[in-house]
């Protein structure tokens, strides 16, 4: 199970995630983060550590433009899929 939490406190936003990797009854503490920055974004992931590493180190995140909700639902997510 992964825990990723977001908190707004005194006008600042904080994001954090656990460092566990699990499979069946085994638990491993990992050094690679589940929450990280990429360009102007803070991203978090669960399930696939390979996908998380790609999002962190290989994904070229497009810069936001126009309506943010529309941008995230279309251009951003299409870039992630590609």
N, C-alpha and C. Protein backbone atom coordinates (compact mmCIF):
# COMPACT_ATOMS: atom_id res chain seq x y z
N UNK A 1 0.84 -1.17 0.00
CA UNK A 1 0.00 0.00 0.00
C UNK A 1 0.89 1.24 0.00
N UNK A 2 0.54 2.21 -0.78
CA UNK A 2 1.26 3.48 -0.85
C UNK A 2 0.43 4.57 -0.19
N UNK A 3 1.13 5.46 0.49
CA UNK A 3 0.49 6.63 1.09
C UNK A 3 1.15 7.86 0.51
N UNK A 4 0.36 8.70 -0.15
CA UNK A 4 0.83 10.00 -0.62
C UNK A 4 -0.14 11.03 -0.07
N UNK A 5 0.40 12.06 0.56
CA UNK A 5 -0.43 13.02 1.28
C UNK A 5 -0.11 14.43 0.82
N UNK A 6 -1.11 15.26 0.69
CA UNK A 6 -0.95 16.67 0.40
C UNK A 6 -1.56 17.49 1.52
N UNK A 7 -0.88 18.55 1.93
CA UNK A 7 -1.36 19.39 3.03
C UNK A 7 -1.07 20.84 2.70
N UNK A 8 -2.06 21.70 2.87
CA UNK A 8 -1.85 23.13 2.75
C UNK A 8 -1.88 23.69 4.17
N UNK A 9 -0.79 24.36 4.56
CA UNK A 9 -0.66 24.90 5.91
C UNK A 9 0.00 26.27 5.83
N UNK A 10 -0.68 27.28 6.34
CA UNK A 10 -0.16 28.65 6.35
C UNK A 10 0.28 29.11 4.96
N UNK A 11 -0.53 28.77 3.97
CA UNK A 11 -0.28 29.23 2.61
C UNK A 11 0.77 28.45 1.85
N UNK A 12 1.30 27.40 2.44
CA UNK A 12 2.28 26.57 1.74
C UNK A 12 1.71 25.18 1.52
N UNK A 13 2.06 24.58 0.39
CA UNK A 13 1.60 23.23 0.08
C UNK A 13 2.74 22.25 0.31
N UNK A 14 2.42 21.16 0.99
CA UNK A 14 3.41 20.12 1.29
C UNK A 14 2.89 18.80 0.72
N UNK A 15 3.74 18.07 0.04
CA UNK A 15 3.42 16.74 -0.48
C UNK A 15 4.47 15.77 0.05
N UNK A 16 4.03 14.59 0.44
CA UNK A 16 4.95 13.58 0.95
C UNK A 16 4.42 12.20 0.61
N UNK A 17 5.31 11.25 0.55
CA UNK A 17 4.93 9.86 0.29
C UNK A 17 5.80 8.93 1.11
N UNK A 18 5.30 7.73 1.34
CA UNK A 18 6.09 6.74 2.07
C UNK A 18 7.23 6.24 1.20
N UNK A 19 8.10 5.42 1.76
CA UNK A 19 9.25 4.91 1.01
C UNK A 19 9.23 3.38 0.89
N UNK A 20 8.06 2.79 1.05
CA UNK A 20 7.96 1.33 1.04
C UNK A 20 7.65 0.79 -0.35
N UNK A 21 8.26 -0.35 -0.64
CA UNK A 21 7.91 -1.15 -1.81
C UNK A 21 7.47 -2.50 -1.28
N UNK A 22 6.33 -2.97 -1.71
CA UNK A 22 5.84 -4.24 -1.17
C UNK A 22 5.40 -5.18 -2.28
N UNK A 23 5.47 -6.44 -1.97
CA UNK A 23 5.02 -7.48 -2.88
C UNK A 23 4.68 -8.70 -2.05
N UNK A 24 3.43 -9.09 -2.06
CA UNK A 24 3.01 -10.20 -1.21
C UNK A 24 3.20 -9.84 0.25
N UNK A 25 3.98 -10.62 0.96
CA UNK A 25 4.21 -10.34 2.38
C UNK A 25 5.56 -9.68 2.62
N UNK A 26 6.26 -9.28 1.55
CA UNK A 26 7.57 -8.65 1.70
C UNK A 26 7.47 -7.14 1.61
N UNK A 27 8.27 -6.46 2.43
CA UNK A 27 8.32 -5.00 2.46
C UNK A 27 9.77 -4.56 2.34
N UNK A 28 10.04 -3.65 1.42
CA UNK A 28 11.38 -3.12 1.21
C UNK A 28 11.33 -1.61 1.32
N UNK A 29 12.26 -1.03 2.06
CA UNK A 29 12.37 0.43 2.12
C UNK A 29 13.24 0.86 0.95
N UNK A 30 12.71 1.76 0.12
CA UNK A 30 13.39 2.18 -1.10
C UNK A 30 13.99 3.57 -0.92
N UNK A 31 15.05 3.84 -1.68
CA UNK A 31 15.69 5.15 -1.65
C UNK A 31 15.09 6.11 -2.66
N UNK A 32 14.55 5.59 -3.76
CA UNK A 32 13.98 6.47 -4.79
C UNK A 32 12.63 6.98 -4.31
N UNK A 33 12.38 8.28 -4.49
CA UNK A 33 11.16 8.89 -3.94
C UNK A 33 9.92 8.57 -4.75
N UNK A 34 8.77 8.54 -4.07
CA UNK A 34 7.47 8.40 -4.74
C UNK A 34 6.85 9.77 -5.03
N UNK A 35 7.41 10.82 -4.47
CA UNK A 35 6.98 12.20 -4.71
C UNK A 35 8.22 13.00 -5.09
N UNK A 36 8.14 13.77 -6.18
CA UNK A 36 9.32 14.47 -6.69
C UNK A 36 8.86 15.63 -7.57
N UNK A 37 9.78 16.49 -7.93
CA UNK A 37 9.49 17.58 -8.86
C UNK A 37 9.98 17.20 -10.25
N UNK A 38 9.26 17.71 -11.24
CA UNK A 38 9.65 17.60 -12.64
C UNK A 38 9.17 18.89 -13.29
N UNK A 39 10.12 19.75 -13.63
CA UNK A 39 9.73 21.06 -14.18
C UNK A 39 8.90 21.81 -13.15
N UNK A 40 7.78 22.39 -13.57
CA UNK A 40 6.95 23.16 -12.64
C UNK A 40 6.00 22.31 -11.80
N UNK A 41 6.12 20.99 -11.87
CA UNK A 41 5.16 20.09 -11.23
C UNK A 41 5.77 19.34 -10.05
N UNK A 42 4.92 18.98 -9.11
CA UNK A 42 5.24 18.00 -8.09
C UNK A 42 4.38 16.79 -8.42
N UNK A 43 5.02 15.65 -8.64
CA UNK A 43 4.32 14.44 -9.05
C UNK A 43 4.49 13.36 -7.99
N UNK A 44 3.50 12.50 -7.89
CA UNK A 44 3.57 11.34 -7.02
C UNK A 44 3.03 10.14 -7.78
N UNK A 45 3.49 8.94 -7.43
CA UNK A 45 3.04 7.76 -8.14
C UNK A 45 2.86 6.60 -7.16
N UNK A 46 2.20 5.57 -7.65
CA UNK A 46 2.03 4.33 -6.92
C UNK A 46 2.12 3.17 -7.89
N UNK A 47 2.27 1.99 -7.39
CA UNK A 47 2.26 0.73 -8.12
C UNK A 47 3.56 0.43 -8.85
N UNK A 48 3.89 1.14 -9.93
CA UNK A 48 5.04 0.78 -10.75
C UNK A 48 6.22 1.70 -10.47
N UNK A 49 7.27 1.14 -9.85
CA UNK A 49 8.47 1.95 -9.61
C UNK A 49 9.15 2.31 -10.92
N UNK A 50 9.05 1.46 -11.92
CA UNK A 50 9.61 1.78 -13.24
C UNK A 50 8.92 3.01 -13.81
N UNK A 51 7.59 3.07 -13.74
CA UNK A 51 6.86 4.23 -14.23
C UNK A 51 7.26 5.48 -13.44
N UNK A 52 7.40 5.34 -12.13
CA UNK A 52 7.81 6.48 -11.31
C UNK A 52 9.17 7.01 -11.71
N UNK A 53 10.12 6.11 -11.98
CA UNK A 53 11.46 6.53 -12.40
C UNK A 53 11.41 7.23 -13.75
N UNK A 54 10.57 6.72 -14.66
CA UNK A 54 10.43 7.38 -15.97
C UNK A 54 9.82 8.76 -15.82
N UNK A 55 8.78 8.89 -15.00
CA UNK A 55 8.16 10.20 -14.77
C UNK A 55 9.15 11.18 -14.15
N UNK A 56 9.99 10.68 -13.27
CA UNK A 56 10.94 11.53 -12.57
C UNK A 56 12.10 11.94 -13.48
N UNK A 57 12.68 11.01 -14.22
CA UNK A 57 13.93 11.27 -14.93
C UNK A 57 13.83 11.41 -16.44
N UNK A 58 12.80 10.84 -17.07
CA UNK A 58 12.74 10.84 -18.54
C UNK A 58 11.59 11.67 -19.10
N UNK A 59 10.54 11.87 -18.34
CA UNK A 59 9.36 12.59 -18.82
C UNK A 59 9.67 14.07 -18.98
N UNK A 60 9.44 14.59 -20.18
CA UNK A 60 9.61 16.02 -20.43
C UNK A 60 8.24 16.68 -20.29
N UNK A 61 7.99 17.19 -19.11
CA UNK A 61 6.68 17.75 -18.78
C UNK A 61 6.44 19.05 -19.54
N UNK A 62 5.30 19.15 -20.23
CA UNK A 62 4.98 20.40 -20.93
C UNK A 62 4.64 21.50 -19.93
N UNK A 63 4.98 22.71 -20.27
CA UNK A 63 4.66 23.84 -19.39
C UNK A 63 3.19 24.20 -19.52
N UNK A 64 2.54 24.49 -18.39
CA UNK A 64 1.11 24.79 -18.43
C UNK A 64 0.81 26.05 -19.22
N UNK A 65 -0.33 26.02 -19.89
CA UNK A 65 -0.79 27.20 -20.62
C UNK A 65 -2.31 27.18 -20.68
N UNK A 66 -2.90 28.37 -20.73
CA UNK A 66 -4.36 28.48 -20.81
C UNK A 66 -5.05 27.99 -19.55
N UNK A 67 -6.26 27.48 -19.72
CA UNK A 67 -7.06 26.96 -18.61
C UNK A 67 -6.35 25.73 -18.02
N UNK A 68 -5.97 25.78 -16.75
CA UNK A 68 -5.16 24.72 -16.14
C UNK A 68 -5.89 23.38 -16.10
N UNK A 69 -7.18 23.39 -15.76
CA UNK A 69 -7.93 22.13 -15.71
C UNK A 69 -7.97 21.46 -17.08
N UNK A 70 -8.27 22.25 -18.09
CA UNK A 70 -8.31 21.71 -19.46
C UNK A 70 -6.93 21.22 -19.90
N UNK A 71 -5.89 22.02 -19.61
CA UNK A 71 -4.53 21.65 -19.97
C UNK A 71 -4.13 20.31 -19.34
N UNK A 72 -4.41 20.14 -18.05
CA UNK A 72 -4.03 18.91 -17.35
C UNK A 72 -4.80 17.70 -17.90
N UNK A 73 -6.08 17.88 -18.21
CA UNK A 73 -6.92 16.78 -18.69
C UNK A 73 -6.61 16.39 -20.14
N UNK A 74 -5.96 17.26 -20.88
CA UNK A 74 -5.71 16.97 -22.29
C UNK A 74 -4.21 16.91 -22.57
N UNK A 75 -3.57 18.03 -22.70
CA UNK A 75 -2.17 18.07 -23.15
C UNK A 75 -1.22 17.38 -22.17
N UNK A 76 -1.38 17.63 -20.88
CA UNK A 76 -0.47 17.02 -19.90
C UNK A 76 -0.61 15.51 -19.89
N UNK A 77 -1.82 15.02 -19.75
CA UNK A 77 -2.02 13.57 -19.66
C UNK A 77 -1.67 12.87 -20.97
N UNK A 78 -1.87 13.54 -22.10
CA UNK A 78 -1.45 12.96 -23.38
C UNK A 78 0.08 12.84 -23.43
N UNK A 79 0.79 13.82 -22.87
CA UNK A 79 2.25 13.74 -22.82
C UNK A 79 2.70 12.59 -21.93
N UNK A 80 2.03 12.38 -20.82
CA UNK A 80 2.35 11.25 -19.93
C UNK A 80 2.14 9.94 -20.67
N UNK A 81 1.03 9.81 -21.36
CA UNK A 81 0.72 8.57 -22.09
C UNK A 81 1.76 8.30 -23.18
N UNK A 82 2.20 9.36 -23.86
CA UNK A 82 3.19 9.19 -24.94
C UNK A 82 4.52 8.77 -24.36
